[in-house]
Amino acid sequence: MAAQLGFAKRNGNGGFSFGSKAGSDRAETTVGQPQAQPSAASEAAPNEAETFRASDSAEEAMTSLVNTLPQSAQMAAINAVVETGSISPEMIERMARQSGVDPSELSRQVEDAHAGFYGAVMDRVGALGVHDADMFGDFIEGDSRMARQMQQAVRSMVMNNDPTGFDGLAQKFTQSLDIIDPEAVTDALKAAGLNHRRGGNGEILMFLQGRG
């Protein structure tokens, strides 16, 4: 999809690259292929967006959708996912008519792609401390600014294979856990043997040895 939109170009080995001529200032970063051993260049730039991969079934479904749907339908589908989190049955029917594909098969491919990429993103933010997907979603949707940041993170993942936009949102979530999910925080503090109490504004205060 990114290649068709001019953001990436195909390599001879079947992968994809981003370069300055393909809408990115990153130097020829291969995407969509298994990672090799880190090179000296990658070690020198740890903040550069790494290759993002969903499950094999999700990657296969996405490839099939890209090869099947016209570009206008692909963009409409991306916008629908970014803005609403899903693709409606009515849109599935329209895309099926445009591409001549059976609607049920197209729906299955969309569900496989969506579920696989969603799962990969949640695994990523889960490793950063997001312990509850529904709570994380409610937290993002409750703030219009963060909702826009989430939309941009999804676009960056799809268009540039860059998942790092989700990391900042995960950090904001974990930093707010004393308000969002105080029971989980207090349980964790108890398990760690850290004394604590509730503050006057609802925050959780920890008592640290030698620091108070």
N, C-alpha and C. Protein backbone atom coordinates (compact mmCIF):
# COMPACT_ATOMS: atom_id res chain seq x y z
N MET A 1 0.84 -1.19 0.00
CA MET A 1 0.00 0.00 0.00
C MET A 1 0.87 1.25 0.00
N ALA A 2 1.90 1.25 0.86
CA ALA A 2 2.80 2.41 0.91
C ALA A 2 3.53 2.59 -0.42
N ALA A 3 3.88 1.47 -1.07
CA ALA A 3 4.56 1.57 -2.36
C ALA A 3 3.64 2.17 -3.41
N GLN A 4 2.38 1.76 -3.42
CA GLN A 4 1.44 2.29 -4.39
C GLN A 4 1.19 3.77 -4.18
N LEU A 5 1.31 4.23 -2.93
CA LEU A 5 1.07 5.63 -2.63
C LEU A 5 2.33 6.47 -2.76
N GLY A 6 3.47 5.84 -3.10
CA GLY A 6 4.69 6.58 -3.31
C GLY A 6 5.53 6.81 -2.08
N PHE A 7 5.18 6.20 -0.97
CA PHE A 7 5.95 6.38 0.26
C PHE A 7 7.10 5.38 0.36
N ALA A 8 7.07 4.35 -0.46
CA ALA A 8 8.10 3.33 -0.40
C ALA A 8 8.33 2.81 -1.81
N LYS A 9 9.39 2.04 -1.98
CA LYS A 9 9.66 1.42 -3.28
C LYS A 9 10.07 -0.02 -3.05
N ARG A 10 9.79 -0.86 -4.05
CA ARG A 10 10.13 -2.27 -3.94
C ARG A 10 11.61 -2.49 -4.20
N ASN A 11 12.20 -3.42 -3.46
CA ASN A 11 13.57 -3.85 -3.70
C ASN A 11 13.58 -5.07 -4.60
N GLY A 12 14.73 -5.39 -5.12
CA GLY A 12 14.84 -6.58 -5.95
C GLY A 12 14.63 -7.86 -5.17
N ASN A 13 14.83 -7.82 -3.85
CA ASN A 13 14.67 -9.04 -3.05
C ASN A 13 13.24 -9.25 -2.57
N GLY A 14 12.30 -8.39 -3.03
CA GLY A 14 10.91 -8.56 -2.65
C GLY A 14 10.48 -7.76 -1.45
N GLY A 15 11.42 -7.08 -0.80
CA GLY A 15 11.07 -6.24 0.34
C GLY A 15 10.77 -4.82 -0.11
N PHE A 16 10.76 -3.91 0.85
CA PHE A 16 10.46 -2.51 0.57
C PHE A 16 11.51 -1.64 1.23
N SER A 17 11.73 -0.47 0.64
CA SER A 17 12.68 0.49 1.20
C SER A 17 12.06 1.86 1.27
N PHE A 18 12.47 2.61 2.28
CA PHE A 18 12.11 4.01 2.40
C PHE A 18 13.36 4.82 2.12
N GLY A 19 13.24 5.80 1.28
CA GLY A 19 14.35 6.69 0.98
C GLY A 19 13.83 8.09 0.77
N SER A 20 14.72 9.04 0.56
CA SER A 20 14.30 10.42 0.40
C SER A 20 13.39 10.59 -0.81
N LYS A 21 13.57 9.78 -1.83
CA LYS A 21 12.71 9.87 -3.01
C LYS A 21 11.36 9.22 -2.80
N ALA A 22 11.23 8.49 -1.71
CA ALA A 22 9.97 7.80 -1.44
C ALA A 22 9.22 8.41 -0.28
N GLY A 23 9.50 9.66 0.01
CA GLY A 23 8.73 10.37 1.03
C GLY A 23 9.28 10.24 2.43
N SER A 24 10.53 9.84 2.58
CA SER A 24 11.10 9.72 3.91
C SER A 24 12.54 10.14 3.87
N ASP A 25 13.03 10.70 4.97
CA ASP A 25 14.43 11.09 5.02
C ASP A 25 15.30 10.01 5.62
N ARG A 26 14.74 8.81 5.81
CA ARG A 26 15.54 7.71 6.31
C ARG A 26 16.25 7.03 5.16
N ALA A 27 17.41 6.53 5.40
CA ALA A 27 18.22 5.97 4.32
C ALA A 27 17.90 4.49 4.15
N GLU A 28 17.17 4.16 3.10
CA GLU A 28 16.98 2.80 2.63
C GLU A 28 16.80 1.78 3.74
N THR A 29 15.79 1.94 4.55
CA THR A 29 15.49 0.99 5.63
C THR A 29 14.58 -0.10 5.10
N THR A 30 15.04 -1.33 5.10
CA THR A 30 14.25 -2.43 4.55
C THR A 30 13.10 -2.75 5.46
N VAL A 31 11.90 -2.94 4.86
CA VAL A 31 10.68 -3.21 5.61
C VAL A 31 10.02 -4.44 5.04
N GLY A 32 9.38 -5.23 5.89
CA GLY A 32 8.60 -6.36 5.41
C GLY A 32 9.40 -7.62 5.23
N GLN A 33 10.68 -7.64 5.62
CA GLN A 33 11.51 -8.82 5.54
C GLN A 33 12.05 -9.15 6.92
N PRO A 34 12.37 -10.43 7.20
CA PRO A 34 12.91 -10.78 8.51
C PRO A 34 14.17 -9.99 8.81
N GLN A 35 14.34 -9.62 10.07
CA GLN A 35 15.48 -8.83 10.48
C GLN A 35 16.75 -9.67 10.44
N ALA A 36 17.82 -9.10 9.92
CA ALA A 36 19.12 -9.73 9.98
C ALA A 36 19.81 -9.26 11.26
N GLN A 37 21.07 -9.64 11.44
CA GLN A 37 21.79 -9.15 12.61
C GLN A 37 21.95 -7.64 12.51
N PRO A 38 21.87 -6.91 13.62
CA PRO A 38 21.99 -5.45 13.57
C PRO A 38 23.31 -5.03 12.94
N SER A 39 23.24 -4.03 12.09
CA SER A 39 24.45 -3.51 11.46
C SER A 39 25.01 -2.38 12.30
N ALA A 40 26.22 -1.94 11.95
CA ALA A 40 26.82 -0.84 12.68
C ALA A 40 25.98 0.41 12.55
N ALA A 41 25.36 0.60 11.37
CA ALA A 41 24.54 1.78 11.16
C ALA A 41 23.33 1.77 12.06
N SER A 42 22.68 0.60 12.22
CA SER A 42 21.49 0.55 13.07
C SER A 42 21.86 0.74 14.53
N GLU A 43 23.03 0.25 14.96
CA GLU A 43 23.44 0.43 16.33
C GLU A 43 23.76 1.89 16.63
N ALA A 44 24.15 2.63 15.58
CA ALA A 44 24.52 4.02 15.79
C ALA A 44 23.30 4.93 15.86
N ALA A 45 22.12 4.40 15.49
CA ALA A 45 20.91 5.22 15.47
C ALA A 45 19.79 4.50 16.20
N PRO A 46 19.88 4.37 17.54
CA PRO A 46 18.91 3.58 18.29
C PRO A 46 17.52 4.17 18.29
N ASN A 47 17.37 5.48 18.04
CA ASN A 47 16.06 6.10 18.08
C ASN A 47 15.32 6.00 16.76
N GLU A 48 15.98 5.48 15.75
CA GLU A 48 15.33 5.35 14.46
C GLU A 48 14.26 4.26 14.53
N ALA A 49 13.14 4.48 13.82
CA ALA A 49 12.03 3.54 13.89
C ALA A 49 12.45 2.17 13.37
N GLU A 50 12.16 1.13 14.15
CA GLU A 50 12.54 -0.20 13.75
C GLU A 50 11.46 -0.82 12.88
N THR A 51 11.82 -1.92 12.22
CA THR A 51 10.84 -2.64 11.40
C THR A 51 9.73 -3.17 12.29
N PHE A 52 8.50 -2.99 11.84
CA PHE A 52 7.34 -3.45 12.59
C PHE A 52 6.69 -4.58 11.81
N ARG A 53 6.41 -5.68 12.47
CA ARG A 53 5.75 -6.81 11.82
C ARG A 53 4.59 -7.28 12.67
N ALA A 54 3.48 -7.56 11.99
CA ALA A 54 2.35 -8.19 12.65
C ALA A 54 2.50 -9.70 12.46
N SER A 55 1.44 -10.45 12.76
CA SER A 55 1.48 -11.89 12.58
C SER A 55 1.56 -12.23 11.09
N ASP A 56 1.99 -13.45 10.79
CA ASP A 56 2.08 -13.88 9.38
C ASP A 56 0.72 -13.81 8.70
N SER A 57 -0.34 -14.22 9.41
CA SER A 57 -1.67 -14.20 8.79
C SER A 57 -2.11 -12.77 8.50
N ALA A 58 -1.75 -11.84 9.39
CA ALA A 58 -2.10 -10.44 9.17
C ALA A 58 -1.33 -9.86 8.00
N GLU A 59 -0.04 -10.20 7.89
CA GLU A 59 0.77 -9.71 6.78
C GLU A 59 0.24 -10.26 5.45
N GLU A 60 -0.13 -11.54 5.45
CA GLU A 60 -0.67 -12.15 4.23
C GLU A 60 -1.99 -11.51 3.84
N ALA A 61 -2.84 -11.25 4.84
CA ALA A 61 -4.12 -10.61 4.55
C ALA A 61 -3.92 -9.21 4.01
N MET A 62 -2.98 -8.46 4.58
CA MET A 62 -2.71 -7.10 4.12
C MET A 62 -2.19 -7.12 2.68
N THR A 63 -1.29 -8.04 2.38
CA THR A 63 -0.76 -8.16 1.02
C THR A 63 -1.88 -8.46 0.02
N SER A 64 -2.78 -9.35 0.41
CA SER A 64 -3.90 -9.68 -0.46
C SER A 64 -4.80 -8.47 -0.69
N LEU A 65 -5.05 -7.71 0.36
CA LEU A 65 -5.89 -6.52 0.23
C LEU A 65 -5.25 -5.50 -0.70
N VAL A 66 -3.94 -5.30 -0.54
CA VAL A 66 -3.23 -4.34 -1.39
C VAL A 66 -3.30 -4.76 -2.85
N ASN A 67 -3.16 -6.06 -3.10
CA ASN A 67 -3.18 -6.56 -4.48
C ASN A 67 -4.57 -6.59 -5.07
N THR A 68 -5.59 -6.54 -4.22
CA THR A 68 -6.97 -6.70 -4.69
C THR A 68 -7.70 -5.37 -4.85
N LEU A 69 -7.53 -4.48 -3.87
CA LEU A 69 -8.34 -3.27 -3.83
C LEU A 69 -7.72 -2.14 -4.63
N PRO A 70 -8.54 -1.33 -5.28
CA PRO A 70 -8.02 -0.12 -5.92
C PRO A 70 -7.50 0.85 -4.87
N GLN A 71 -6.62 1.74 -5.30
CA GLN A 71 -5.96 2.64 -4.36
C GLN A 71 -6.96 3.49 -3.58
N SER A 72 -8.01 3.95 -4.25
CA SER A 72 -9.00 4.78 -3.56
C SER A 72 -9.67 4.02 -2.42
N ALA A 73 -9.94 2.74 -2.65
CA ALA A 73 -10.56 1.91 -1.61
C ALA A 73 -9.60 1.67 -0.46
N GLN A 74 -8.31 1.50 -0.77
CA GLN A 74 -7.31 1.31 0.28
C GLN A 74 -7.26 2.54 1.19
N MET A 75 -7.24 3.73 0.58
CA MET A 75 -7.17 4.95 1.39
C MET A 75 -8.44 5.12 2.22
N ALA A 76 -9.59 4.80 1.64
CA ALA A 76 -10.85 4.90 2.38
C ALA A 76 -10.84 3.95 3.58
N ALA A 77 -10.29 2.75 3.38
CA ALA A 77 -10.23 1.77 4.46
C ALA A 77 -9.30 2.24 5.58
N ILE A 78 -8.14 2.80 5.19
CA ILE A 78 -7.21 3.32 6.21
C ILE A 78 -7.87 4.43 7.02
N ASN A 79 -8.53 5.35 6.32
CA ASN A 79 -9.17 6.46 7.03
C ASN A 79 -10.26 5.97 7.97
N ALA A 80 -11.01 4.94 7.54
CA ALA A 80 -12.06 4.40 8.40
C ALA A 80 -11.48 3.80 9.67
N VAL A 81 -10.39 3.04 9.53
CA VAL A 81 -9.76 2.43 10.71
C VAL A 81 -9.20 3.50 11.63
N VAL A 82 -8.54 4.52 11.04
CA VAL A 82 -7.95 5.59 11.84
C VAL A 82 -9.02 6.36 12.62
N GLU A 83 -10.12 6.67 11.95
CA GLU A 83 -11.13 7.54 12.55
C GLU A 83 -12.14 6.81 13.43
N THR A 84 -12.46 5.54 13.09
CA THR A 84 -13.49 4.83 13.84
C THR A 84 -13.01 3.54 14.47
N GLY A 85 -11.84 3.05 14.07
CA GLY A 85 -11.32 1.80 14.63
C GLY A 85 -11.79 0.56 13.92
N SER A 86 -12.63 0.71 12.89
CA SER A 86 -13.13 -0.46 12.18
C SER A 86 -13.60 -0.06 10.79
N ILE A 87 -13.95 -1.07 9.99
CA ILE A 87 -14.50 -0.85 8.66
C ILE A 87 -15.92 -1.40 8.66
N SER A 88 -16.88 -0.58 8.31
CA SER A 88 -18.28 -0.96 8.41
C SER A 88 -18.64 -2.01 7.35
N PRO A 89 -19.69 -2.81 7.61
CA PRO A 89 -20.16 -3.77 6.60
C PRO A 89 -20.53 -3.09 5.28
N GLU A 90 -21.08 -1.88 5.36
CA GLU A 90 -21.44 -1.16 4.14
C GLU A 90 -20.20 -0.85 3.30
N MET A 91 -19.11 -0.47 3.96
CA MET A 91 -17.87 -0.20 3.23
C MET A 91 -17.31 -1.49 2.64
N ILE A 92 -17.41 -2.58 3.39
CA ILE A 92 -16.96 -3.88 2.87
C ILE A 92 -17.71 -4.21 1.58
N GLU A 93 -19.02 -4.00 1.58
CA GLU A 93 -19.82 -4.28 0.39
C GLU A 93 -19.37 -3.42 -0.79
N ARG A 94 -19.13 -2.13 -0.54
CA ARG A 94 -18.69 -1.25 -1.63
C ARG A 94 -17.33 -1.68 -2.17
N MET A 95 -16.40 -2.01 -1.28
CA MET A 95 -15.08 -2.42 -1.73
C MET A 95 -15.14 -3.74 -2.49
N ALA A 96 -16.03 -4.62 -2.07
CA ALA A 96 -16.19 -5.91 -2.76
C ALA A 96 -16.70 -5.68 -4.18
N ARG A 97 -17.65 -4.76 -4.34
CA ARG A 97 -18.16 -4.47 -5.69
C ARG A 97 -17.08 -3.85 -6.56
N GLN A 98 -16.26 -2.97 -5.97
CA GLN A 98 -15.20 -2.31 -6.73
C GLN A 98 -14.15 -3.29 -7.20
N SER A 99 -13.85 -4.28 -6.38
CA SER A 99 -12.75 -5.20 -6.69
C SER A 99 -13.21 -6.53 -7.26
N GLY A 100 -14.51 -6.79 -7.26
CA GLY A 100 -15.02 -8.06 -7.78
C GLY A 100 -14.72 -9.24 -6.89
N VAL A 101 -14.55 -8.99 -5.59
CA VAL A 101 -14.24 -10.05 -4.63
C VAL A 101 -15.49 -10.37 -3.82
N ASP A 102 -15.59 -11.62 -3.39
CA ASP A 102 -16.71 -12.02 -2.56
C ASP A 102 -16.66 -11.24 -1.24
N PRO A 103 -17.78 -10.62 -0.85
CA PRO A 103 -17.77 -9.79 0.37
C PRO A 103 -17.34 -10.54 1.62
N SER A 104 -17.74 -11.80 1.75
CA SER A 104 -17.37 -12.56 2.95
C SER A 104 -15.87 -12.81 3.01
N GLU A 105 -15.25 -13.07 1.84
CA GLU A 105 -13.81 -13.28 1.81
C GLU A 105 -13.07 -11.98 2.10
N LEU A 106 -13.56 -10.89 1.54
CA LEU A 106 -12.95 -9.60 1.81
C LEU A 106 -13.07 -9.24 3.29
N SER A 107 -14.22 -9.51 3.88
CA SER A 107 -14.43 -9.24 5.29
C SER A 107 -13.46 -10.05 6.15
N ARG A 108 -13.25 -11.30 5.76
CA ARG A 108 -12.32 -12.14 6.51
C ARG A 108 -10.90 -11.58 6.45
N GLN A 109 -10.48 -11.14 5.26
CA GLN A 109 -9.15 -10.59 5.11
C GLN A 109 -8.98 -9.31 5.94
N VAL A 110 -10.00 -8.48 5.92
CA VAL A 110 -9.94 -7.24 6.70
C VAL A 110 -9.84 -7.57 8.19
N GLU A 111 -10.63 -8.53 8.65
CA GLU A 111 -10.61 -8.90 10.07
C GLU A 111 -9.25 -9.48 10.45
N ASP A 112 -8.67 -10.33 9.57
CA ASP A 112 -7.37 -10.92 9.86
C ASP A 112 -6.29 -9.85 9.95
N ALA A 113 -6.33 -8.91 9.00
CA ALA A 113 -5.32 -7.85 9.00
C ALA A 113 -5.48 -6.96 10.23
N HIS A 114 -6.71 -6.57 10.51
CA HIS A 114 -6.96 -5.67 11.64
C HIS A 114 -6.58 -6.34 12.96
N ALA A 115 -7.02 -7.58 13.14
CA ALA A 115 -6.74 -8.28 14.39
C ALA A 115 -5.24 -8.49 14.59
N GLY A 116 -4.54 -8.84 13.51
CA GLY A 116 -3.11 -9.09 13.62
C GLY A 116 -2.31 -7.86 13.96
N PHE A 117 -2.62 -6.74 13.29
CA PHE A 117 -1.89 -5.51 13.57
C PHE A 117 -2.27 -4.96 14.94
N TYR A 118 -3.56 -5.07 15.30
CA TYR A 118 -3.98 -4.62 16.62
C TYR A 118 -3.25 -5.42 17.70
N GLY A 119 -3.18 -6.73 17.51
CA GLY A 119 -2.50 -7.58 18.48
C GLY A 119 -1.02 -7.23 18.62
N ALA A 120 -0.37 -6.93 17.48
CA ALA A 120 1.05 -6.59 17.52
C ALA A 120 1.27 -5.27 18.24
N VAL A 121 0.39 -4.31 18.01
CA VAL A 121 0.51 -3.02 18.70
C VAL A 121 0.30 -3.20 20.20
N MET A 122 -0.71 -3.99 20.59
CA MET A 122 -0.97 -4.19 22.00
C MET A 122 0.17 -4.95 22.68
N ASP A 123 0.80 -5.88 21.96
CA ASP A 123 1.98 -6.54 22.53
C ASP A 123 3.08 -5.52 22.79
N ARG A 124 3.22 -4.58 21.87
CA ARG A 124 4.27 -3.57 22.01
C ARG A 124 4.00 -2.69 23.24
N VAL A 125 2.79 -2.15 23.33
CA VAL A 125 2.51 -1.26 24.46
C VAL A 125 2.39 -2.04 25.76
N GLY A 126 2.01 -3.32 25.67
CA GLY A 126 1.98 -4.16 26.87
C GLY A 126 3.35 -4.30 27.49
N ALA A 127 4.38 -4.38 26.64
CA ALA A 127 5.74 -4.47 27.15
C ALA A 127 6.18 -3.17 27.81
N LEU A 128 5.44 -2.09 27.53
CA LEU A 128 5.75 -0.78 28.13
C LEU A 128 4.88 -0.48 29.34
N GLY A 129 4.05 -1.44 29.76
CA GLY A 129 3.29 -1.27 30.98
C GLY A 129 1.79 -1.13 30.82
N VAL A 130 1.28 -1.21 29.59
CA VAL A 130 -0.18 -1.14 29.38
C VAL A 130 -0.75 -2.52 29.68
N HIS A 131 -1.41 -2.63 30.83
CA HIS A 131 -1.84 -3.93 31.33
C HIS A 131 -3.28 -4.27 30.97
N ASP A 132 -4.04 -3.31 30.43
CA ASP A 132 -5.45 -3.54 30.14
C ASP A 132 -5.82 -2.80 28.85
N ALA A 133 -6.13 -3.55 27.79
CA ALA A 133 -6.39 -2.94 26.48
C ALA A 133 -7.62 -2.03 26.50
N ASP A 134 -8.69 -2.48 27.15
CA ASP A 134 -9.91 -1.67 27.19
C ASP A 134 -9.68 -0.38 27.97
N MET A 135 -8.97 -0.49 29.07
CA MET A 135 -8.68 0.70 29.88
C MET A 135 -7.80 1.68 29.10
N PHE A 136 -6.86 1.14 28.35
CA PHE A 136 -5.99 1.97 27.52
C PHE A 136 -6.82 2.69 26.45
N GLY A 137 -7.74 1.97 25.81
CA GLY A 137 -8.59 2.58 24.80
C GLY A 137 -9.46 3.69 25.37
N ASP A 138 -10.04 3.44 26.54
CA ASP A 138 -10.88 4.46 27.18
C ASP A 138 -10.05 5.69 27.55
N PHE A 139 -8.83 5.45 28.01
CA PHE A 139 -7.94 6.55 28.38
C PHE A 139 -7.63 7.43 27.17
N ILE A 140 -7.35 6.81 26.03
CA ILE A 140 -7.02 7.57 24.82
C ILE A 140 -8.26 8.31 24.31
N GLU A 141 -9.38 7.63 24.26
CA GLU A 141 -10.60 8.24 23.71
C GLU A 141 -11.14 9.36 24.61
N GLY A 142 -10.76 9.34 25.87
CA GLY A 142 -11.24 10.38 26.78
C GLY A 142 -10.54 11.71 26.65
N ASP A 143 -9.52 11.78 25.80
CA ASP A 143 -8.77 13.02 25.61
C ASP A 143 -8.62 13.25 24.11
N SER A 144 -9.20 14.32 23.59
CA SER A 144 -9.20 14.55 22.14
C SER A 144 -7.80 14.70 21.59
N ARG A 145 -6.89 15.28 22.37
CA ARG A 145 -5.52 15.44 21.89
C ARG A 145 -4.82 14.09 21.75
N MET A 146 -5.01 13.22 22.75
CA MET A 146 -4.40 11.89 22.65
C MET A 146 -5.07 11.06 21.57
N ALA A 147 -6.37 11.26 21.35
CA ALA A 147 -7.05 10.54 20.28
C ALA A 147 -6.44 10.91 18.93
N ARG A 148 -6.11 12.19 18.75
CA ARG A 148 -5.45 12.60 17.50
C ARG A 148 -4.05 12.00 17.40
N GLN A 149 -3.36 11.92 18.53
CA GLN A 149 -2.03 11.31 18.52
C GLN A 149 -2.12 9.83 18.16
N MET A 150 -3.16 9.18 18.63
CA MET A 150 -3.36 7.78 18.28
C MET A 150 -3.63 7.63 16.78
N GLN A 151 -4.44 8.51 16.21
CA GLN A 151 -4.69 8.48 14.78
C GLN A 151 -3.40 8.65 13.99
N GLN A 152 -2.57 9.57 14.43
CA GLN A 152 -1.30 9.79 13.75
C GLN A 152 -0.39 8.58 13.89
N ALA A 153 -0.42 7.94 15.06
CA ALA A 153 0.40 6.74 15.27
C ALA A 153 -0.02 5.63 14.33
N VAL A 154 -1.33 5.46 14.13
CA VAL A 154 -1.82 4.44 13.21
C VAL A 154 -1.38 4.75 11.79
N ARG A 155 -1.52 6.00 11.39
CA ARG A 155 -1.11 6.38 10.03
C ARG A 155 0.39 6.14 9.83
N SER A 156 1.20 6.50 10.81
CA SER A 156 2.64 6.30 10.70
C SER A 156 3.00 4.82 10.60
N MET A 157 2.27 3.99 11.33
CA MET A 157 2.53 2.56 11.27
C MET A 157 2.20 2.02 9.88
N VAL A 158 1.04 2.41 9.35
CA VAL A 158 0.60 1.87 8.06
C VAL A 158 1.43 2.44 6.91
N MET A 159 1.66 3.75 6.94
CA MET A 159 2.30 4.40 5.81
C MET A 159 3.82 4.29 5.85
N ASN A 160 4.42 4.34 7.04
CA ASN A 160 5.88 4.39 7.17
C ASN A 160 6.48 3.22 7.93
N ASN A 161 5.64 2.25 8.32
CA ASN A 161 6.12 1.11 9.10
C ASN A 161 6.81 1.57 10.38
N ASP A 162 6.30 2.64 10.97
CA ASP A 162 6.90 3.25 12.16
C ASP A 162 5.91 3.16 13.32
N PRO A 163 6.15 2.25 14.28
CA PRO A 163 5.21 2.06 15.39
C PRO A 163 5.52 2.90 16.61
N THR A 164 6.52 3.76 16.55
CA THR A 164 6.99 4.43 17.76
C THR A 164 5.99 5.46 18.30
N GLY A 165 5.01 5.87 17.48
CA GLY A 165 4.01 6.81 17.97
C GLY A 165 3.18 6.25 19.11
N PHE A 166 3.08 4.93 19.20
CA PHE A 166 2.32 4.30 20.28
C PHE A 166 3.06 4.37 21.61
N ASP A 167 4.39 4.50 21.55
CA ASP A 167 5.19 4.43 22.77
C ASP A 167 4.89 5.59 23.72
N GLY A 168 4.77 6.80 23.16
CA GLY A 168 4.48 7.95 23.99
C GLY A 168 3.12 7.86 24.65
N LEU A 169 2.15 7.30 23.93
CA LEU A 169 0.82 7.12 24.50
C LEU A 169 0.85 6.10 25.63
N ALA A 170 1.63 5.05 25.45
CA ALA A 170 1.77 4.06 26.52
C ALA A 170 2.40 4.68 27.76
N GLN A 171 3.37 5.55 27.55
CA GLN A 171 4.03 6.21 28.68
C GLN A 171 3.05 7.11 29.44
N LYS A 172 2.23 7.86 28.70
CA LYS A 172 1.25 8.72 29.35
C LYS A 172 0.25 7.89 30.16
N PHE A 173 -0.12 6.73 29.64
CA PHE A 173 -1.04 5.84 30.34
C PHE A 173 -0.44 5.36 31.65
N THR A 174 0.78 4.85 31.59
CA THR A 174 1.38 4.30 32.80
C THR A 174 1.65 5.40 33.84
N GLN A 175 1.97 6.61 33.37
CA GLN A 175 2.21 7.70 34.30
C GLN A 175 0.92 8.18 34.98
N SER A 176 -0.22 7.79 34.45
CA SER A 176 -1.50 8.21 35.01
C SER A 176 -2.21 7.08 35.75
N LEU A 177 -1.54 5.97 35.95
CA LEU A 177 -2.20 4.78 36.51
C LEU A 177 -2.69 4.98 37.94
N ASP A 178 -2.06 5.88 38.70
CA ASP A 178 -2.55 6.07 40.07
C ASP A 178 -3.96 6.65 40.08
N ILE A 179 -4.34 7.32 38.99
CA ILE A 179 -5.69 7.85 38.86
C ILE A 179 -6.59 6.88 38.10
N ILE A 180 -6.03 6.27 37.04
CA ILE A 180 -6.84 5.40 36.17
C ILE A 180 -7.17 4.08 36.86
N ASP A 181 -6.17 3.46 37.45
CA ASP A 181 -6.35 2.13 38.04
C ASP A 181 -5.58 2.04 39.35
N PRO A 182 -6.03 2.76 40.38
CA PRO A 182 -5.27 2.80 41.63
C PRO A 182 -5.12 1.44 42.29
N GLU A 183 -6.10 0.55 42.12
CA GLU A 183 -5.98 -0.76 42.75
C GLU A 183 -4.80 -1.54 42.19
N ALA A 184 -4.61 -1.46 40.87
CA ALA A 184 -3.49 -2.18 40.26
C ALA A 184 -2.17 -1.61 40.77
N VAL A 185 -2.11 -0.30 40.93
CA VAL A 185 -0.87 0.34 41.41
C VAL A 185 -0.59 -0.06 42.85
N THR A 186 -1.62 0.02 43.71
CA THR A 186 -1.40 -0.33 45.11
C THR A 186 -1.06 -1.81 45.27
N ASP A 187 -1.68 -2.67 44.46
CA ASP A 187 -1.34 -4.10 44.51
C ASP A 187 0.12 -4.31 44.14
N ALA A 188 0.58 -3.59 43.11
CA ALA A 188 1.98 -3.72 42.69
C ALA A 188 2.92 -3.22 43.76
N LEU A 189 2.56 -2.12 44.41
CA LEU A 189 3.41 -1.57 45.46
C LEU A 189 3.47 -2.51 46.66
N LYS A 190 2.34 -3.10 47.00
CA LYS A 190 2.32 -4.07 48.10
C LYS A 190 3.20 -5.27 47.78
N ALA A 191 3.07 -5.75 46.53
CA ALA A 191 3.87 -6.91 46.13
C ALA A 191 5.36 -6.60 46.16
N ALA A 192 5.71 -5.33 45.89
CA ALA A 192 7.12 -4.93 45.90
C ALA A 192 7.59 -4.54 47.30
N GLY A 193 6.68 -4.54 48.29
CA GLY A 193 7.06 -4.18 49.64
C GLY A 193 7.32 -2.70 49.84
N LEU A 194 6.69 -1.85 49.02
CA LEU A 194 6.89 -0.40 49.13
C LEU A 194 5.73 0.23 49.90
N ASN A 195 6.05 0.94 50.98
CA ASN A 195 5.03 1.64 51.75
C ASN A 195 4.46 2.79 50.93
N HIS A 196 3.17 3.04 51.08
CA HIS A 196 2.53 4.08 50.28
C HIS A 196 1.24 4.53 50.96
N ARG A 197 0.72 5.66 50.50
CA ARG A 197 -0.58 6.13 50.97
C ARG A 197 -1.19 7.03 49.89
N ARG A 198 -2.50 7.27 50.02
CA ARG A 198 -3.17 8.16 49.08
C ARG A 198 -2.92 9.61 49.48
N GLY A 199 -2.65 10.45 48.48
CA GLY A 199 -2.48 11.87 48.72
C GLY A 199 -3.81 12.60 48.69
N GLY A 200 -3.78 13.88 49.01
CA GLY A 200 -5.01 14.65 49.09
C GLY A 200 -5.71 14.81 47.76
N ASN A 201 -4.98 14.74 46.65
CA ASN A 201 -5.58 14.88 45.32
C ASN A 201 -5.84 13.55 44.65
N GLY A 202 -5.75 12.47 45.42
CA GLY A 202 -6.01 11.15 44.85
C GLY A 202 -4.77 10.45 44.35
N GLU A 203 -3.62 11.14 44.33
CA GLU A 203 -2.40 10.51 43.85
C GLU A 203 -1.89 9.52 44.89
N ILE A 204 -0.98 8.66 44.49
CA ILE A 204 -0.40 7.68 45.39
C ILE A 204 1.02 8.10 45.72
N LEU A 205 1.32 8.24 47.00
CA LEU A 205 2.64 8.64 47.46
C LEU A 205 3.39 7.42 47.96
N MET A 206 4.60 7.22 47.47
CA MET A 206 5.47 6.12 47.91
C MET A 206 6.49 6.64 48.90
N PHE A 207 6.79 5.83 49.90
CA PHE A 207 7.81 6.16 50.88
C PHE A 207 9.04 5.31 50.55
N LEU A 208 10.11 5.99 50.13
CA LEU A 208 11.31 5.30 49.69
C LEU A 208 12.41 5.41 50.74
N GLN A 209 13.10 4.32 50.97
CA GLN A 209 14.15 4.27 51.97
C GLN A 209 15.20 5.35 51.69
N GLY A 210 15.44 6.20 52.68
CA GLY A 210 16.47 7.22 52.55
C GLY A 210 16.00 8.46 51.84
N ARG A 211 14.78 8.46 51.32
CA ARG A 211 14.29 9.61 50.57
C ARG A 211 12.98 10.16 51.14
N GLY A 212 12.30 9.35 51.93
CA GLY A 212 11.03 9.81 52.47
C GLY A 212 9.87 9.59 51.53
